[in-house]
Structures are given as structure tokens and as C-alpha cells.
Amino acid sequence: MAYILNNNMSAAPLEARCRKEAYTSMEDARAMARYINETRSSREIRVYKCPVCEYWHLTSRGKP
């Protein structure tokens, strides 16, 4: 899909660099991780900053 700009130029929408749910702040990501850890009996969820998109993601994997 392409968009038509005011000056008759077109631009394609940006593709997401990561496919994971992204949080713009560490605080938002930590709040979600805390909620998941308190309400689910699964592996511990932690927060990390993605080196690809520069946003915050959640993971249940061990620390890198």
C-alpha cells in the first residue's frame, strides 16, 4: 500500500523492524512485566532494550 502526499509524491508505509510487542519506555515495559509475573504462573518475564528498534520488549529467556 502506498500513500499519496500533498505534492503528488507517494510513500510506502514503514515496515516494523521488530515483530515483537514494543514499549516506548522502560517504565511501561516493567509495568507490563510486573502484571504478567503477578497474574500468570509461567517463567519470569524480564525487560530488555532491543538493539534493532531501540524500543523495550519482554522476554522469558535468561539474561544474555
PDB file of N, CA and C in Angstrom:
ATOM      1  N   MET A   1       0.851  -1.171   0.000  1.00  0.00           N
ATOM      2  CA  MET A   1       0.000   0.000   0.000  1.00  0.00           C
ATOM      3  C   MET A   1       0.890   1.224   0.000  1.00  0.00           C
ATOM      4  N   ALA A   2       0.552   2.214  -0.772  1.00  0.00           N
ATOM      5  CA  ALA A   2       1.301   3.464  -0.818  1.00  0.00           C
ATOM      6  C   ALA A   2       0.365   4.607  -0.468  1.00  0.00           C
ATOM      7  N   TYR A   3       0.927   5.636   0.063  1.00  0.00           N
ATOM      8  CA  TYR A   3       0.158   6.820   0.422  1.00  0.00           C
ATOM      9  C   TYR A   3       0.467   7.933  -0.567  1.00  0.00           C
ATOM     10  N   ILE A   4      -0.507   8.761  -0.867  1.00  0.00           N
ATOM     11  CA  ILE A   4      -0.307   9.900  -1.760  1.00  0.00           C
ATOM     12  C   ILE A   4      -0.118  11.146  -0.887  1.00  0.00           C
ATOM     13  N   LEU A   5       0.983  11.810  -1.056  1.00  0.00           N
ATOM     14  CA  LEU A   5       1.270  13.025  -0.310  1.00  0.00           C
ATOM     15  C   LEU A   5       0.681  14.228  -1.035  1.00  0.00           C
ATOM     16  N   ASN A   6       0.663  15.369  -0.387  1.00  0.00           N
ATOM     17  CA  ASN A   6       0.067  16.577  -0.958  1.00  0.00           C
ATOM     18  C   ASN A   6       0.697  17.004  -2.275  1.00  0.00           C
ATOM     19  N   ASN A   7       1.965  16.790  -2.451  1.00  0.00           N
ATOM     20  CA  ASN A   7       2.642  17.245  -3.674  1.00  0.00           C
ATOM     21  C   ASN A   7       2.726  16.130  -4.722  1.00  0.00           C
ATOM     22  N   ASN A   8       1.754  15.215  -4.717  1.00  0.00           N
ATOM     23  CA  ASN A   8       1.628  14.105  -5.671  1.00  0.00           C
ATOM     24  C   ASN A   8       2.768  13.094  -5.610  1.00  0.00           C
ATOM     25  N   MET A   9       3.539  13.106  -4.547  1.00  0.00           N
ATOM     26  CA  MET A   9       4.554  12.079  -4.346  1.00  0.00           C
ATOM     27  C   MET A   9       3.911  10.952  -3.544  1.00  0.00           C
ATOM     28  N   SER A  10       4.374   9.747  -3.709  1.00  0.00           N
ATOM     29  CA  SER A  10       3.831   8.644  -2.925  1.00  0.00           C
ATOM     30  C   SER A  10       4.905   8.108  -1.985  1.00  0.00           C
ATOM     31  N   ALA A  11       4.456   7.526  -0.902  1.00  0.00           N
ATOM     32  CA  ALA A  11       5.373   6.964   0.078  1.00  0.00           C
ATOM     33  C   ALA A  11       4.782   5.678   0.617  1.00  0.00           C
ATOM     34  N   ALA A  12       5.587   4.648   0.708  1.00  0.00           N
ATOM     35  CA  ALA A  12       5.149   3.379   1.285  1.00  0.00           C
ATOM     36  C   ALA A  12       5.247   3.474   2.801  1.00  0.00           C
ATOM     37  N   PRO A  13       4.340   2.831   3.529  1.00  0.00           N
ATOM     38  CA  PRO A  13       4.438   2.845   4.992  1.00  0.00           C
ATOM     39  C   PRO A  13       5.700   2.125   5.443  1.00  0.00           C
ATOM     40  N   LEU A  14       6.225   2.534   6.595  1.00  0.00           N
ATOM     41  CA  LEU A  14       7.439   1.913   7.122  1.00  0.00           C
ATOM     42  C   LEU A  14       7.136   0.513   7.629  1.00  0.00           C
ATOM     43  N   GLU A  15       8.013  -0.396   7.363  1.00  0.00           N
ATOM     44  CA  GLU A  15       7.895  -1.749   7.889  1.00  0.00           C
ATOM     45  C   GLU A  15       8.442  -1.750   9.315  1.00  0.00           C
ATOM     46  N   ALA A  16       7.792  -2.480  10.184  1.00  0.00           N
ATOM     47  CA  ALA A  16       8.285  -2.601  11.552  1.00  0.00           C
ATOM     48  C   ALA A  16       9.600  -3.366  11.531  1.00  0.00           C
ATOM     49  N   ARG A  17      10.562  -2.893  12.291  1.00  0.00           N
ATOM     50  CA  ARG A  17      11.866  -3.549  12.305  1.00  0.00           C
ATOM     51  C   ARG A  17      11.859  -4.786  13.198  1.00  0.00           C
ATOM     52  N   CYS A  18      10.975  -4.804  14.170  1.00  0.00           N
ATOM     53  CA  CYS A  18      10.819  -5.960  15.045  1.00  0.00           C
ATOM     54  C   CYS A  18       9.372  -6.411  14.992  1.00  0.00           C
ATOM     55  N   ARG A  19       9.161  -7.677  15.200  1.00  0.00           N
ATOM     56  CA  ARG A  19       7.791  -8.189  15.181  1.00  0.00           C
ATOM     57  C   ARG A  19       7.224  -8.346  16.583  1.00  0.00           C
ATOM     58  N   LYS A  20       8.015  -8.094  17.594  1.00  0.00           N
ATOM     59  CA  LYS A  20       7.558  -8.239  18.966  1.00  0.00           C
ATOM     60  C   LYS A  20       6.796  -6.992  19.414  1.00  0.00           C
ATOM     61  N   GLU A  21       5.980  -7.169  20.433  1.00  0.00           N
ATOM     62  CA  GLU A  21       5.298  -6.040  21.055  1.00  0.00           C
ATOM     63  C   GLU A  21       6.366  -5.095  21.598  1.00  0.00           C
ATOM     64  N   ALA A  22       6.249  -3.819  21.300  1.00  0.00           N
ATOM     65  CA  ALA A  22       7.266  -2.841  21.699  1.00  0.00           C
ATOM     66  C   ALA A  22       6.667  -1.819  22.646  1.00  0.00           C
ATOM     67  N   TYR A  23       7.455  -1.408  23.616  1.00  0.00           N
ATOM     68  CA  TYR A  23       7.071  -0.383  24.580  1.00  0.00           C
ATOM     69  C   TYR A  23       8.036   0.789  24.427  1.00  0.00           C
ATOM     70  N   THR A  24       7.498   2.005  24.466  1.00  0.00           N
ATOM     71  CA  THR A  24       8.339   3.175  24.236  1.00  0.00           C
ATOM     72  C   THR A  24       9.171   3.563  25.450  1.00  0.00           C
ATOM     73  N   SER A  25       8.762   3.122  26.634  1.00  0.00           N
ATOM     74  CA  SER A  25       9.547   3.453  27.823  1.00  0.00           C
ATOM     75  C   SER A  25       9.798   2.207  28.658  1.00  0.00           C
ATOM     76  N   MET A  26      10.883   2.230  29.385  1.00  0.00           N
ATOM     77  CA  MET A  26      11.223   1.120  30.255  1.00  0.00           C
ATOM     78  C   MET A  26      10.165   0.966  31.350  1.00  0.00           C
ATOM     79  N   GLU A  27       9.613   2.076  31.819  1.00  0.00           N
ATOM     80  CA  GLU A  27       8.603   2.023  32.869  1.00  0.00           C
ATOM     81  C   GLU A  27       7.349   1.293  32.405  1.00  0.00           C
ATOM     82  N   ASP A  28       6.905   1.555  31.174  1.00  0.00           N
ATOM     83  CA  ASP A  28       5.738   0.866  30.629  1.00  0.00           C
ATOM     84  C   ASP A  28       6.002  -0.630  30.492  1.00  0.00           C
ATOM     85  N   ALA A  29       7.168  -0.977  29.995  1.00  0.00           N
ATOM     86  CA  ALA A  29       7.527  -2.381  29.823  1.00  0.00           C
ATOM     87  C   ALA A  29       7.621  -3.080  31.177  1.00  0.00           C
ATOM     88  N   ARG A  30       8.209  -2.417  32.168  1.00  0.00           N
ATOM     89  CA  ARG A  30       8.311  -3.010  33.509  1.00  0.00           C
ATOM     90  C   ARG A  30       6.936  -3.201  34.138  1.00  0.00           C
ATOM     91  N   ALA A  31       6.039  -2.256  33.927  1.00  0.00           N
ATOM     92  CA  ALA A  31       4.682  -2.388  34.469  1.00  0.00           C
ATOM     93  C   ALA A  31       3.986  -3.606  33.875  1.00  0.00           C
ATOM     94  N   MET A  32       4.134  -3.820  32.580  1.00  0.00           N
ATOM     95  CA  MET A  32       3.524  -4.977  31.938  1.00  0.00           C
ATOM     96  C   MET A  32       4.176  -6.270  32.422  1.00  0.00           C
ATOM     97  N   ALA A  33       5.490  -6.290  32.529  1.00  0.00           N
ATOM     98  CA  ALA A  33       6.194  -7.479  33.025  1.00  0.00           C
ATOM     99  C   ALA A  33       5.747  -7.800  34.445  1.00  0.00           C
ATOM    100  N   ARG A  34       5.612  -6.788  35.280  1.00  0.00           N
ATOM    101  CA  ARG A  34       5.160  -6.985  36.653  1.00  0.00           C
ATOM    102  C   ARG A  34       3.758  -7.581  36.676  1.00  0.00           C
ATOM    103  N   TYR A  35       2.868  -7.056  35.842  1.00  0.00           N
ATOM    104  CA  TYR A  35       1.497  -7.565  35.758  1.00  0.00           C
ATOM    105  C   TYR A  35       1.494  -9.036  35.327  1.00  0.00           C
ATOM    106  N   ILE A  36       2.265  -9.363  34.298  1.00  0.00           N
ATOM    107  CA  ILE A  36       2.323 -10.748  33.818  1.00  0.00           C
ATOM    108  C   ILE A  36       2.887 -11.663  34.894  1.00  0.00           C
ATOM    109  N   ASN A  37       3.953 -11.240  35.561  1.00  0.00           N
ATOM    110  CA  ASN A  37       4.582 -12.066  36.594  1.00  0.00           C
ATOM    111  C   ASN A  37       3.641 -12.298  37.777  1.00  0.00           C
ATOM    112  N   GLU A  38       2.788 -11.314  38.090  1.00  0.00           N
ATOM    113  CA  GLU A  38       1.872 -11.452  39.221  1.00  0.00           C
ATOM    114  C   GLU A  38       0.629 -12.265  38.881  1.00  0.00           C
ATOM    115  N   THR A  39       0.216 -12.284  37.633  1.00  0.00           N
ATOM    116  CA  THR A  39      -1.044 -12.928  37.274  1.00  0.00           C
ATOM    117  C   THR A  39      -0.902 -14.267  36.576  1.00  0.00           C
ATOM    118  N   ARG A  40       0.281 -14.628  36.152  1.00  0.00           N
ATOM    119  CA  ARG A  40       0.478 -15.892  35.446  1.00  0.00           C
ATOM    120  C   ARG A  40       1.526 -16.732  36.157  1.00  0.00           C
ATOM    121  N   SER A  41       1.369 -18.019  36.068  1.00  0.00           N
ATOM    122  CA  SER A  41       2.366 -18.913  36.678  1.00  0.00           C
ATOM    123  C   SER A  41       3.234 -19.521  35.582  1.00  0.00           C
ATOM    124  N   SER A  42       4.004 -18.674  34.963  1.00  0.00           N
ATOM    125  CA  SER A  42       4.912 -19.119  33.912  1.00  0.00           C
ATOM    126  C   SER A  42       6.327 -18.678  34.284  1.00  0.00           C
ATOM    127  N   ARG A  43       7.199 -18.753  33.330  1.00  0.00           N
ATOM    128  CA  ARG A  43       8.566 -18.296  33.594  1.00  0.00           C
ATOM    129  C   ARG A  43       8.582 -16.806  33.908  1.00  0.00           C
ATOM    130  N   GLU A  44       9.598 -16.404  34.610  1.00  0.00           N
ATOM    131  CA  GLU A  44       9.770 -14.992  34.971  1.00  0.00           C
ATOM    132  C   GLU A  44       9.961 -14.154  33.706  1.00  0.00           C
ATOM    133  N   ILE A  45       9.225 -13.066  33.605  1.00  0.00           N
ATOM    134  CA  ILE A  45       9.317 -12.155  32.462  1.00  0.00           C
ATOM    135  C   ILE A  45      10.257 -11.022  32.830  1.00  0.00           C
ATOM    136  N   ARG A  46      11.128 -10.656  31.911  1.00  0.00           N
ATOM    137  CA  ARG A  46      12.028  -9.516  32.137  1.00  0.00           C
ATOM    138  C   ARG A  46      11.968  -8.577  30.948  1.00  0.00           C
ATOM    139  N   VAL A  47      12.537  -7.407  31.129  1.00  0.00           N
ATOM    140  CA  VAL A  47      12.510  -6.333  30.139  1.00  0.00           C
ATOM    141  C   VAL A  47      13.906  -6.175  29.552  1.00  0.00           C
ATOM    142  N   TYR A  48      13.972  -5.874  28.254  1.00  0.00           N
ATOM    143  CA  TYR A  48      15.265  -5.565  27.644  1.00  0.00           C
ATOM    144  C   TYR A  48      15.077  -4.546  26.526  1.00  0.00           C
ATOM    145  N   LYS A  49      16.123  -3.774  26.277  1.00  0.00           N
ATOM    146  CA  LYS A  49      16.093  -2.789  25.190  1.00  0.00           C
ATOM    147  C   LYS A  49      16.612  -3.452  23.926  1.00  0.00           C
ATOM    148  N   CYS A  50      15.830  -3.368  22.867  1.00  0.00           N
ATOM    149  CA  CYS A  50      16.162  -4.021  21.607  1.00  0.00           C
ATOM    150  C   CYS A  50      17.258  -3.245  20.874  1.00  0.00           C
ATOM    151  N   PRO A  51      18.314  -3.928  20.453  1.00  0.00           N
ATOM    152  CA  PRO A  51      19.376  -3.257  19.705  1.00  0.00           C
ATOM    153  C   PRO A  51      18.971  -2.936  18.263  1.00  0.00           C
ATOM    154  N   VAL A  52      17.880  -3.526  17.777  1.00  0.00           N
ATOM    155  CA  VAL A  52      17.437  -3.306  16.403  1.00  0.00           C
ATOM    156  C   VAL A  52      16.530  -2.089  16.310  1.00  0.00           C
ATOM    157  N   CYS A  53      15.460  -2.056  17.133  1.00  0.00           N
ATOM    158  CA  CYS A  53      14.468  -0.978  17.012  1.00  0.00           C
ATOM    159  C   CYS A  53      14.604   0.095  18.090  1.00  0.00           C
ATOM    160  N   GLU A  54      15.429  -0.164  19.115  1.00  0.00           N
ATOM    161  CA  GLU A  54      15.663   0.795  20.206  1.00  0.00           C
ATOM    162  C   GLU A  54      14.462   0.956  21.143  1.00  0.00           C
ATOM    163  N   TYR A  55      13.456   0.076  21.038  1.00  0.00           N
ATOM    164  CA  TYR A  55      12.328   0.090  21.966  1.00  0.00           C
ATOM    165  C   TYR A  55      12.532  -1.010  22.995  1.00  0.00           C
ATOM    166  N   TRP A  56      11.611  -1.103  23.944  1.00  0.00           N
ATOM    167  CA  TRP A  56      11.686  -2.082  25.019  1.00  0.00           C
ATOM    168  C   TRP A  56      10.771  -3.256  24.704  1.00  0.00           C
ATOM    169  N   HIS A  57      11.262  -4.474  24.961  1.00  0.00           N
ATOM    170  CA  HIS A  57      10.496  -5.703  24.738  1.00  0.00           C
ATOM    171  C   HIS A  57      10.499  -6.528  26.019  1.00  0.00           C
ATOM    172  N   LEU A  58       9.640  -7.563  26.034  1.00  0.00           N
ATOM    173  CA  LEU A  58       9.574  -8.505  27.144  1.00  0.00           C
ATOM    174  C   LEU A  58      10.082  -9.853  26.667  1.00  0.00           C
ATOM    175  N   THR A  59      10.705 -10.592  27.578  1.00  0.00           N
ATOM    176  CA  THR A  59      11.167 -11.935  27.254  1.00  0.00           C
ATOM    177  C   THR A  59      11.114 -12.811  28.487  1.00  0.00           C
ATOM    178  N   SER A  60      11.021 -14.104  28.276  1.00  0.00           N
ATOM    179  CA  SER A  60      11.099 -15.064  29.381  1.00  0.00           C
ATOM    180  C   SER A  60      12.421 -15.813  29.328  1.00  0.00           C
ATOM    181  N   ARG A  61      13.256 -15.507  28.376  1.00  0.00           N
ATOM    182  CA  ARG A  61      14.568 -16.135  28.282  1.00  0.00           C
ATOM    183  C   ARG A  61      15.497 -15.572  29.338  1.00  0.00           C
ATOM    184  N   GLY A  62      16.535 -16.329  29.631  1.00  0.00           N
ATOM    185  CA  GLY A  62      17.530 -15.894  30.603  1.00  0.00           C
ATOM    186  C   GLY A  62      18.282 -14.669  30.127  1.00  0.00           C
ATOM    187  N   LYS A  63      19.019 -14.072  31.034  1.00  0.00           N
ATOM    188  CA  LYS A  63      19.784 -12.870  30.673  1.00  0.00           C
ATOM    189  C   LYS A  63      20.863 -13.215  29.648  1.00  0.00           C
ATOM    190  N   PRO A  64      21.061 -12.308  28.683  1.00  0.00           N
ATOM    191  CA  PRO A  64      22.070 -12.572  27.643  1.00  0.00           C
ATOM    192  C   PRO A  64      23.489 -12.527  28.166  1.00  0.00           C
TER     193      PRO A  64
END
